[in-house]
Amino acid sequence: MKMLREKLPIAPAVWLGILAVWFGYTALVKHDSVMIPSPLTVWRTFIYTVQNGYGGISLGVHLRSSFVRLFLALLTAFVTAVPLGFLSGYIKWIQKAVDSLVQFYRPIPPLAYYPLLILWLGIDDRSKIMLLYLSAFAPLYIACVAAIGGIRRDYILSAKSLGANTNQILKYIIWPTCQPALFTGLRTAFGFAYSTLVATEMTAATSGVGWMVMDASRYLKSDIIFMGIIIMGVTGLVIDRCLYFLEKHLVFWKGKS
């Protein structure tokens, strides 16, 4: 029975079941097609949007606008949160100072302080990237501090007793030990930033997948809304799987004694 469960493609079966229910519902309740369009309608809308764009902008430009904002924010968060997390893990007064700031703004919904960022940085991409940066910074920083705090001191003491210097300890003990937590933090940061990205584009933007969904909702274009939601989910899943693939190959020792 266990071998049978392992061989069964559970995830594809679940999605095929959802698709079958979707087909069945739209076939039986045709009068509700404005609220829930059929899969074929959504597919035709996707083909049309690929060929003709939406709102005078091609689908590729919408996707590029969203992902440029997202990856710029993630890259900036990574190159600032990781070094600061390392410092906080080693120097307690830095940890106390930075933790108080991070824990203050982390529970606040990003859209709560987004109007301030618009006032300070304008309505263009700078305010959006800053908001995404703040969304991604906290999980990366916390993951890094937790990884440093979880390093066993006897590993470091043993390395020192064998004559390892600071650079060798950092390279061969601290950095490999922290990588699994950093990848977990990166995947979490991506999830926070991506959900925030959609919210920012729905609030103040002229391009992007989130803007496309929000604009379609004003005219009850449910096929565009469904298409945009599916694009968000699929692209988010692909990026997360890519990060997981990198983690499995770069941190191949994770979970092994």
Protein backbone atom coordinates (compact mmCIF):
# COMPACT_ATOMS: atom_id res chain seq x y z
CA MET A 1 0.00 0.00 0.00
CA LYS A 2 2.84 2.35 0.86
CA MET A 3 4.58 1.62 -2.46
CA LEU A 4 1.31 2.25 -4.30
CA ARG A 5 0.91 5.66 -2.63
CA GLU A 6 4.48 6.58 -3.53
CA LYS A 7 3.96 5.65 -7.20
CA LEU A 8 0.65 7.48 -7.58
CA PRO A 9 1.02 11.03 -9.01
CA ILE A 10 -0.97 12.61 -6.19
CA ALA A 11 -0.42 16.27 -7.08
CA PRO A 12 -1.44 15.91 -10.78
CA ALA A 13 -4.45 13.85 -9.72
CA VAL A 14 -5.58 16.60 -7.34
CA TRP A 15 -5.31 19.25 -10.05
CA LEU A 16 -7.07 17.07 -12.59
CA GLY A 17 -9.87 16.60 -10.05
CA ILE A 18 -10.18 20.37 -9.54
CA LEU A 19 -10.23 20.89 -13.31
CA ALA A 20 -12.93 18.25 -13.72
CA VAL A 21 -15.09 19.88 -11.03
CA TRP A 22 -14.56 23.26 -12.71
CA PHE A 23 -15.59 21.85 -16.12
CA GLY A 24 -18.59 20.11 -14.61
CA TYR A 25 -19.83 23.13 -12.69
CA THR A 26 -19.58 25.54 -15.62
CA ALA A 27 -21.30 23.01 -17.90
CA LEU A 28 -24.24 22.58 -15.52
CA VAL A 29 -24.60 26.21 -14.35
CA LYS A 30 -24.19 28.14 -17.57
CA HIS A 31 -26.10 31.19 -16.29
CA ASP A 32 -23.28 31.80 -13.78
CA SER A 33 -20.60 32.12 -16.48
CA VAL A 34 -20.00 35.80 -15.63
CA MET A 35 -18.96 34.89 -12.08
CA ILE A 36 -17.17 31.63 -12.92
CA PRO A 37 -16.08 31.33 -16.56
CA SER A 38 -15.37 27.92 -18.05
CA PRO A 39 -11.79 26.65 -18.38
CA LEU A 40 -12.09 26.88 -22.17
CA THR A 41 -13.11 30.53 -21.91
CA VAL A 42 -10.13 31.28 -19.67
CA TRP A 43 -7.82 29.44 -22.07
CA ARG A 44 -9.13 31.39 -25.07
CA THR A 45 -8.70 34.61 -23.10
CA PHE A 46 -5.11 33.64 -22.30
CA ILE A 47 -4.34 32.97 -26.00
CA TYR A 48 -5.95 36.28 -26.97
CA THR A 49 -4.01 38.17 -24.29
CA VAL A 50 -0.73 36.57 -25.37
CA GLN A 51 -1.40 37.70 -28.93
CA ASN A 52 -2.94 41.12 -28.29
CA GLY A 53 -2.04 42.09 -24.73
CA TYR A 54 -4.30 43.79 -22.20
CA GLY A 55 -4.90 47.51 -21.75
CA GLY A 56 -2.64 48.27 -24.70
CA ILE A 57 0.28 46.46 -23.03
CA SER A 58 1.52 42.99 -23.97
CA LEU A 59 1.36 40.17 -21.44
CA GLY A 60 5.15 39.90 -21.56
CA VAL A 61 5.49 43.53 -20.46
CA HIS A 62 3.02 42.96 -17.62
CA LEU A 63 5.05 39.97 -16.41
CA ARG A 64 8.35 41.80 -16.86
CA SER A 65 7.11 44.79 -14.86
CA SER A 66 6.06 42.54 -11.98
CA PHE A 67 9.21 40.42 -11.90
CA VAL A 68 11.65 43.32 -12.25
CA ARG A 69 10.10 44.89 -9.13
CA LEU A 70 10.08 41.55 -7.33
CA PHE A 71 13.64 40.43 -8.04
CA LEU A 72 15.19 43.85 -7.46
CA ALA A 73 13.56 43.92 -4.04
CA LEU A 74 14.60 40.33 -3.23
CA LEU A 75 18.20 40.93 -4.32
CA THR A 76 18.45 44.11 -2.26
CA ALA A 77 16.92 42.37 0.75
CA PHE A 78 19.33 39.45 0.45
CA VAL A 79 22.50 41.55 0.24
CA THR A 80 21.46 43.64 3.25
CA ALA A 81 19.57 41.19 5.50
CA VAL A 82 22.14 38.38 5.38
CA PRO A 83 25.22 40.43 6.43
CA LEU A 84 23.17 42.26 9.06
CA GLY A 85 21.82 38.93 10.29
CA PHE A 86 25.36 37.58 10.62
CA LEU A 87 26.42 40.64 12.58
CA SER A 88 23.36 40.40 14.80
CA GLY A 89 24.11 36.76 15.46
CA TYR A 90 27.59 37.61 16.71
CA ILE A 91 27.16 41.02 18.31
CA LYS A 92 24.33 41.15 20.84
CA TRP A 93 23.88 44.92 20.96
CA ILE A 94 23.38 45.02 17.19
CA GLN A 95 20.82 42.23 17.48
CA LYS A 96 18.93 44.08 20.21
CA ALA A 97 18.89 47.30 18.19
CA VAL A 98 17.88 45.77 14.85
CA ASP A 99 15.45 43.22 16.31
CA SER A 100 13.42 45.96 17.95
CA LEU A 101 12.97 47.69 14.59
CA VAL A 102 12.24 44.50 12.65
CA GLN A 103 9.75 43.20 15.20
CA PHE A 104 8.04 46.62 15.25
CA TYR A 105 7.27 46.82 11.53
CA ARG A 106 7.01 43.10 10.74
CA PRO A 107 3.42 42.57 12.06
CA ILE A 108 2.16 45.72 10.32
CA PRO A 109 0.35 44.95 7.03
CA PRO A 110 2.50 46.33 4.19
CA LEU A 111 -0.38 48.29 2.68
CA ALA A 112 -0.73 50.18 5.98
CA TYR A 113 2.52 52.08 5.41
CA TYR A 114 2.42 51.98 1.61
CA PRO A 115 0.73 55.43 1.42
CA LEU A 116 3.71 56.89 3.30
CA LEU A 117 6.13 55.32 0.83
CA ILE A 118 4.11 56.80 -2.04
CA LEU A 119 4.31 60.24 -0.40
CA TRP A 120 8.06 59.92 0.17
CA LEU A 121 9.17 58.09 -2.99
CA GLY A 122 6.39 58.76 -5.48
CA ILE A 123 3.87 56.49 -7.16
CA ASP A 124 6.40 54.91 -9.53
CA ASP A 125 8.42 51.73 -9.04
CA ARG A 126 10.62 53.12 -6.25
CA SER A 127 7.84 52.98 -3.66
CA LYS A 128 6.80 49.51 -4.83
CA ILE A 129 10.34 48.12 -4.67
CA MET A 130 10.84 49.62 -1.21
CA LEU A 131 7.64 48.02 0.04
CA LEU A 132 8.67 44.65 -1.40
CA TYR A 133 12.12 45.09 0.14
CA LEU A 134 10.63 45.64 3.59
CA SER A 135 8.38 42.60 3.12
CA ALA A 136 11.33 40.37 2.19
CA PHE A 137 13.88 41.79 4.64
CA ALA A 138 12.29 40.56 7.88
CA PRO A 139 12.05 36.80 7.09
CA LEU A 140 15.57 36.77 5.64
CA TYR A 141 17.04 38.60 8.62
CA ILE A 142 15.22 36.42 11.17
CA ALA A 143 16.27 33.22 9.37
CA CYS A 144 19.90 34.34 9.37
CA VAL A 145 19.91 35.27 13.07
CA ALA A 146 18.22 31.98 13.96
CA ALA A 147 20.77 30.04 11.89
CA ILE A 148 23.70 31.72 13.65
CA GLY A 149 22.10 31.10 17.04
CA GLY A 150 21.58 27.43 16.21
CA ILE A 151 25.26 26.68 15.49
CA ARG A 152 26.69 24.30 18.04
CA ARG A 153 29.48 25.96 19.94
CA ASP A 154 31.42 22.72 20.27
CA TYR A 155 31.88 22.66 16.48
CA ILE A 156 33.56 26.05 16.58
CA LEU A 157 35.63 25.18 19.66
CA SER A 158 36.75 21.92 18.07
CA ALA A 159 37.80 23.74 14.90
CA LYS A 160 39.76 26.29 16.94
CA SER A 161 41.47 23.52 18.88
CA LEU A 162 42.59 22.04 15.55
CA GLY A 163 44.12 25.36 14.51
CA ALA A 164 41.39 26.78 12.27
CA ASN A 165 41.43 30.54 11.88
CA THR A 166 38.40 32.85 11.71
CA ASN A 167 38.10 32.71 7.91
CA GLN A 168 38.24 28.91 7.90
CA ILE A 169 35.59 28.69 10.63
CA LEU A 170 33.36 31.06 8.66
CA LYS A 171 33.89 29.16 5.39
CA TYR A 172 33.73 25.55 6.55
CA ILE A 173 31.45 25.65 9.62
CA ILE A 174 29.29 28.75 9.89
CA TRP A 175 28.40 29.31 6.23
CA PRO A 176 27.46 25.66 5.44
CA THR A 177 25.48 25.41 8.68
CA CYS A 178 23.50 28.57 7.88
CA GLN A 179 22.67 27.77 4.24
CA PRO A 180 19.61 25.55 4.89
CA ALA A 181 18.00 28.22 7.07
CA LEU A 182 18.89 30.91 4.52
CA PHE A 183 17.15 29.03 1.72
CA THR A 184 14.10 28.56 3.92
CA GLY A 185 14.15 32.28 4.70
CA LEU A 186 14.57 33.11 1.01
CA ARG A 187 11.57 31.01 0.02
CA THR A 188 9.51 32.59 2.81
CA ALA A 189 10.67 36.07 1.78
CA PHE A 190 9.69 35.36 -1.82
CA GLY A 191 6.20 34.35 -0.71
CA PHE A 192 5.74 37.52 1.34
CA ALA A 193 7.16 39.75 -1.39
CA TYR A 194 5.09 38.16 -4.16
CA SER A 195 1.81 38.54 -2.29
CA THR A 196 2.74 42.13 -1.45
CA LEU A 197 3.65 42.78 -5.10
CA VAL A 198 0.15 41.86 -6.24
CA ALA A 199 -1.35 44.14 -3.58
CA THR A 200 0.83 47.09 -4.59
CA GLU A 201 -0.04 46.69 -8.26
CA MET A 202 -3.70 46.56 -7.38
CA THR A 203 -3.35 49.80 -5.41
CA ALA A 204 -1.28 52.08 -7.62
CA ALA A 205 0.16 50.89 -10.91
CA THR A 206 -0.30 51.07 -14.67
CA SER A 207 1.20 47.68 -15.52
CA GLY A 208 1.79 44.27 -13.97
CA VAL A 209 -0.27 41.16 -13.42
CA GLY A 210 -1.86 42.56 -10.25
CA TRP A 211 -2.93 45.72 -12.07
CA MET A 212 -4.38 43.62 -14.88
CA VAL A 213 -6.56 41.68 -12.42
CA MET A 214 -7.68 44.82 -10.62
CA ASP A 215 -8.53 46.63 -13.85
CA ALA A 216 -10.51 43.64 -15.12
CA SER A 217 -12.53 43.52 -11.89
CA ARG A 218 -13.87 47.02 -12.58
CA TYR A 219 -15.51 45.77 -15.78
CA LEU A 220 -16.54 42.32 -14.46
CA LYS A 221 -14.12 40.57 -16.81
CA SER A 222 -14.00 37.38 -14.80
CA ASP A 223 -12.09 35.52 -17.50
CA ILE A 224 -9.21 38.01 -17.19
CA ILE A 225 -9.39 37.78 -13.38
CA PHE A 226 -9.20 33.98 -13.45
CA MET A 227 -6.40 34.10 -16.01
CA GLY A 228 -4.39 36.57 -13.91
CA ILE A 229 -4.86 34.55 -10.72
CA ILE A 230 -3.73 31.37 -12.50
CA ILE A 231 -0.68 33.17 -13.93
CA MET A 232 0.24 34.41 -10.46
CA GLY A 233 -0.13 30.95 -8.96
CA VAL A 234 1.78 29.16 -11.72
CA THR A 235 4.66 31.64 -11.81
CA GLY A 236 4.87 31.63 -8.02
CA LEU A 237 4.95 27.83 -7.99
CA VAL A 238 7.64 27.72 -10.70
CA ILE A 239 9.88 30.18 -8.87
CA ASP A 240 9.44 28.33 -5.58
CA ARG A 241 10.30 25.02 -7.28
CA CYS A 242 13.41 26.63 -8.77
CA LEU A 243 14.50 27.78 -5.32
CA TYR A 244 13.79 24.30 -3.95
CA PHE A 245 15.85 22.78 -6.79
CA LEU A 246 18.77 25.06 -5.98
CA GLU A 247 18.46 24.21 -2.31
CA LYS A 248 18.51 20.46 -3.00
CA HIS A 249 21.65 20.76 -5.14
CA LEU A 250 23.55 23.47 -3.29
CA VAL A 251 22.66 22.32 0.23
CA PHE A 252 22.85 18.61 -0.50
CA TRP A 253 23.88 17.81 3.08
CA LYS A 254 20.62 19.10 4.58
CA GLY A 255 18.93 16.42 6.65
CA LYS A 256 21.92 14.12 6.58
CA SER A 257 23.88 13.22 9.66
